[in-house]
Amino acid sequence: MVIVSKITEKEVLEVIEILETRVDDLIQKCDQLNIENQSLKENNQELSETQQSILKKNNLAKSKAETILERLRSIENSA
């Protein structure tokens, strides 16, 4: 024997209202995460560009240091 309980219209409307609230909350959270994700992508791009700039400067400094060392060795050998 199966007992089926009746759900009132009021109960159905309450459940629908709760679901609507949850869906709205999820939409808001999704929007917030999309904004945060975009911000993180932009920040990542900036960091990548900064890293490339630092690597170029580092290579330039290394090259200049090697040139100075070569000159010093040349001076040392000629003395």
N, C-alpha and C. Protein backbone atom coordinates (compact mmCIF):
# COMPACT_ATOMS: atom_id res chain seq x y z
N MET A 1 0.83 -1.17 0.00
CA MET A 1 0.00 0.00 0.00
C MET A 1 0.89 1.26 0.00
N VAL A 2 0.67 2.16 -0.94
CA VAL A 2 1.43 3.38 -1.09
C VAL A 2 0.60 4.55 -0.58
N ILE A 3 1.23 5.33 0.28
CA ILE A 3 0.54 6.51 0.78
C ILE A 3 1.10 7.73 0.07
N VAL A 4 0.24 8.47 -0.57
CA VAL A 4 0.65 9.66 -1.30
C VAL A 4 0.10 10.87 -0.54
N SER A 5 1.03 11.74 -0.20
CA SER A 5 0.57 12.94 0.51
C SER A 5 0.34 14.05 -0.51
N LYS A 6 -0.63 14.85 -0.23
CA LYS A 6 -0.93 15.96 -1.12
C LYS A 6 -0.04 17.14 -0.76
N ILE A 7 0.47 17.76 -1.80
CA ILE A 7 1.26 18.96 -1.61
C ILE A 7 0.36 20.13 -1.96
N THR A 8 0.31 21.06 -1.08
CA THR A 8 -0.57 22.19 -1.33
C THR A 8 0.09 23.16 -2.31
N GLU A 9 -0.72 23.98 -2.89
CA GLU A 9 -0.22 24.98 -3.82
C GLU A 9 0.72 25.93 -3.10
N LYS A 10 0.41 26.26 -1.87
CA LYS A 10 1.24 27.15 -1.08
C LYS A 10 2.63 26.56 -0.89
N GLU A 11 2.71 25.26 -0.61
CA GLU A 11 4.00 24.58 -0.43
C GLU A 11 4.81 24.58 -1.72
N VAL A 12 4.13 24.36 -2.83
CA VAL A 12 4.80 24.37 -4.13
C VAL A 12 5.35 25.76 -4.41
N LEU A 13 4.58 26.79 -4.14
CA LEU A 13 5.02 28.16 -4.36
C LEU A 13 6.21 28.52 -3.46
N GLU A 14 6.19 28.01 -2.23
CA GLU A 14 7.30 28.25 -1.31
C GLU A 14 8.60 27.62 -1.83
N VAL A 15 8.47 26.40 -2.32
CA VAL A 15 9.64 25.70 -2.86
C VAL A 15 10.15 26.43 -4.10
N ILE A 16 9.25 26.87 -4.95
CA ILE A 16 9.65 27.61 -6.15
C ILE A 16 10.35 28.91 -5.76
N GLU A 17 9.85 29.58 -4.75
CA GLU A 17 10.47 30.83 -4.30
C GLU A 17 11.88 30.56 -3.75
N ILE A 18 12.03 29.50 -3.00
CA ILE A 18 13.36 29.14 -2.49
C ILE A 18 14.31 28.84 -3.65
N LEU A 19 13.83 28.09 -4.64
CA LEU A 19 14.66 27.78 -5.81
C LEU A 19 15.02 29.03 -6.58
N GLU A 20 14.08 29.95 -6.73
CA GLU A 20 14.37 31.20 -7.43
C GLU A 20 15.47 31.99 -6.71
N THR A 21 15.39 32.00 -5.39
CA THR A 21 16.39 32.70 -4.59
C THR A 21 17.76 32.05 -4.78
N ARG A 22 17.77 30.75 -4.76
CA ARG A 22 19.05 30.03 -4.95
C ARG A 22 19.62 30.28 -6.34
N VAL A 23 18.78 30.26 -7.35
CA VAL A 23 19.23 30.50 -8.72
C VAL A 23 19.76 31.93 -8.84
N ASP A 24 19.07 32.89 -8.26
CA ASP A 24 19.53 34.27 -8.27
C ASP A 24 20.90 34.40 -7.58
N ASP A 25 21.04 33.72 -6.45
CA ASP A 25 22.32 33.73 -5.73
C ASP A 25 23.44 33.13 -6.60
N LEU A 26 23.13 32.04 -7.28
CA LEU A 26 24.11 31.41 -8.15
C LEU A 26 24.49 32.31 -9.33
N ILE A 27 23.52 32.99 -9.89
CA ILE A 27 23.79 33.92 -10.99
C ILE A 27 24.70 35.05 -10.51
N GLN A 28 24.38 35.58 -9.33
CA GLN A 28 25.19 36.66 -8.76
C GLN A 28 26.62 36.16 -8.50
N LYS A 29 26.75 34.96 -7.95
CA LYS A 29 28.07 34.40 -7.68
C LYS A 29 28.83 34.17 -8.98
N CYS A 30 28.14 33.71 -10.00
CA CYS A 30 28.76 33.48 -11.31
C CYS A 30 29.27 34.80 -11.89
N ASP A 31 28.47 35.84 -11.80
CA ASP A 31 28.89 37.16 -12.28
C ASP A 31 30.13 37.65 -11.52
N GLN A 32 30.10 37.46 -10.21
CA GLN A 32 31.23 37.87 -9.38
C GLN A 32 32.49 37.10 -9.77
N LEU A 33 32.35 35.80 -9.98
CA LEU A 33 33.51 34.99 -10.37
C LEU A 33 34.03 35.36 -11.75
N ASN A 34 33.13 35.71 -12.66
CA ASN A 34 33.56 36.15 -13.99
C ASN A 34 34.37 37.44 -13.91
N ILE A 35 33.91 38.37 -13.07
CA ILE A 35 34.65 39.62 -12.89
C ILE A 35 36.02 39.34 -12.28
N GLU A 36 36.03 38.49 -11.25
CA GLU A 36 37.30 38.14 -10.60
C GLU A 36 38.24 37.43 -11.57
N ASN A 37 37.68 36.55 -12.39
CA ASN A 37 38.49 35.82 -13.37
C ASN A 37 39.11 36.77 -14.39
N GLN A 38 38.33 37.74 -14.85
CA GLN A 38 38.84 38.72 -15.81
C GLN A 38 39.96 39.54 -15.18
N SER A 39 39.76 39.93 -13.94
CA SER A 39 40.78 40.69 -13.22
C SER A 39 42.07 39.88 -13.08
N LEU A 40 41.93 38.61 -12.74
CA LEU A 40 43.10 37.74 -12.60
C LEU A 40 43.82 37.54 -13.94
N LYS A 41 43.06 37.44 -15.01
CA LYS A 41 43.68 37.31 -16.33
C LYS A 41 44.48 38.56 -16.67
N GLU A 42 43.91 39.73 -16.38
CA GLU A 42 44.61 40.98 -16.66
C GLU A 42 45.87 41.09 -15.80
N ASN A 43 45.75 40.71 -14.53
CA ASN A 43 46.89 40.75 -13.63
C ASN A 43 47.98 39.79 -14.10
N ASN A 44 47.57 38.61 -14.55
CA ASN A 44 48.52 37.62 -15.06
C ASN A 44 49.25 38.15 -16.28
N GLN A 45 48.52 38.84 -17.16
CA GLN A 45 49.13 39.42 -18.36
C GLN A 45 50.16 40.47 -17.97
N GLU A 46 49.80 41.33 -17.00
CA GLU A 46 50.72 42.36 -16.54
C GLU A 46 51.98 41.73 -15.94
N LEU A 47 51.80 40.69 -15.14
CA LEU A 47 52.95 40.02 -14.53
C LEU A 47 53.83 39.37 -15.59
N SER A 48 53.22 38.82 -16.60
CA SER A 48 53.98 38.20 -17.68
C SER A 48 54.80 39.24 -18.43
N GLU A 49 54.19 40.40 -18.69
CA GLU A 49 54.91 41.47 -19.37
C GLU A 49 56.06 42.00 -18.50
N THR A 50 55.81 42.12 -17.20
CA THR A 50 56.86 42.56 -16.28
C THR A 50 58.00 41.56 -16.25
N GLN A 51 57.65 40.29 -16.23
CA GLN A 51 58.69 39.25 -16.22
C GLN A 51 59.54 39.33 -17.48
N GLN A 52 58.91 39.51 -18.62
CA GLN A 52 59.66 39.62 -19.88
C GLN A 52 60.59 40.82 -19.85
N SER A 53 60.10 41.94 -19.32
CA SER A 53 60.91 43.14 -19.22
C SER A 53 62.12 42.91 -18.30
N ILE A 54 61.89 42.26 -17.19
CA ILE A 54 62.98 41.97 -16.24
C ILE A 54 64.00 41.04 -16.87
N LEU A 55 63.53 40.03 -17.61
CA LEU A 55 64.46 39.11 -18.28
C LEU A 55 65.32 39.85 -19.30
N LYS A 56 64.72 40.77 -20.05
CA LYS A 56 65.49 41.55 -21.03
C LYS A 56 66.54 42.40 -20.33
N LYS A 57 66.14 43.07 -19.24
CA LYS A 57 67.08 43.89 -18.49
C LYS A 57 68.19 43.04 -17.89
N ASN A 58 67.84 41.86 -17.40
CA ASN A 58 68.82 40.95 -16.82
C ASN A 58 69.83 40.51 -17.88
N ASN A 59 69.35 40.17 -19.05
CA ASN A 59 70.25 39.76 -20.13
C ASN A 59 71.17 40.90 -20.57
N LEU A 60 70.62 42.11 -20.61
CA LEU A 60 71.42 43.28 -20.96
C LEU A 60 72.50 43.52 -19.91
N ALA A 61 72.14 43.43 -18.63
CA ALA A 61 73.11 43.61 -17.56
C ALA A 61 74.19 42.53 -17.60
N LYS A 62 73.77 41.30 -17.90
CA LYS A 62 74.72 40.20 -18.00
C LYS A 62 75.70 40.45 -19.14
N SER A 63 75.19 40.89 -20.25
CA SER A 63 76.03 41.18 -21.41
C SER A 63 77.03 42.29 -21.09
N LYS A 64 76.56 43.35 -20.43
CA LYS A 64 77.45 44.44 -20.06
C LYS A 64 78.52 43.98 -19.08
N ALA A 65 78.12 43.14 -18.11
CA ALA A 65 79.07 42.62 -17.13
C ALA A 65 80.13 41.75 -17.82
N GLU A 66 79.71 40.93 -18.77
CA GLU A 66 80.66 40.09 -19.50
C GLU A 66 81.62 40.95 -20.31
N THR A 67 81.12 42.03 -20.91
CA THR A 67 81.97 42.95 -21.67
C THR A 67 83.00 43.60 -20.75
N ILE A 68 82.58 44.03 -19.59
CA ILE A 68 83.50 44.64 -18.63
C ILE A 68 84.56 43.64 -18.19
N LEU A 69 84.14 42.39 -17.92
CA LEU A 69 85.10 41.35 -17.52
C LEU A 69 86.12 41.08 -18.63
N GLU A 70 85.64 41.06 -19.87
CA GLU A 70 86.56 40.84 -20.99
C GLU A 70 87.58 41.98 -21.07
N ARG A 71 87.11 43.21 -20.89
CA ARG A 71 88.03 44.36 -20.91
C ARG A 71 89.06 44.26 -19.78
N LEU A 72 88.57 43.89 -18.59
CA LEU A 72 89.50 43.75 -17.45
C LEU A 72 90.53 42.66 -17.71
N ARG A 73 90.11 41.55 -18.28
CA ARG A 73 91.06 40.47 -18.59
C ARG A 73 92.06 40.94 -19.63
N SER A 74 91.56 41.68 -20.61
CA SER A 74 92.44 42.22 -21.66
C SER A 74 93.47 43.17 -21.07
N ILE A 75 93.03 44.03 -20.17
CA ILE A 75 93.95 44.96 -19.49
C ILE A 75 94.95 44.18 -18.64
N GLU A 76 94.47 43.17 -17.94
CA GLU A 76 95.32 42.36 -17.08
C GLU A 76 96.39 41.61 -17.92
N ASN A 77 95.99 41.09 -19.06
CA ASN A 77 96.91 40.34 -19.90
C ASN A 77 97.95 41.26 -20.57
N SER A 78 97.57 42.50 -20.84
CA SER A 78 98.50 43.41 -21.52
C SER A 78 99.46 44.09 -20.52
N ALA A 79 99.14 43.97 -19.25
CA ALA A 79 100.01 44.62 -18.25
C ALA A 79 101.20 43.79 -17.89
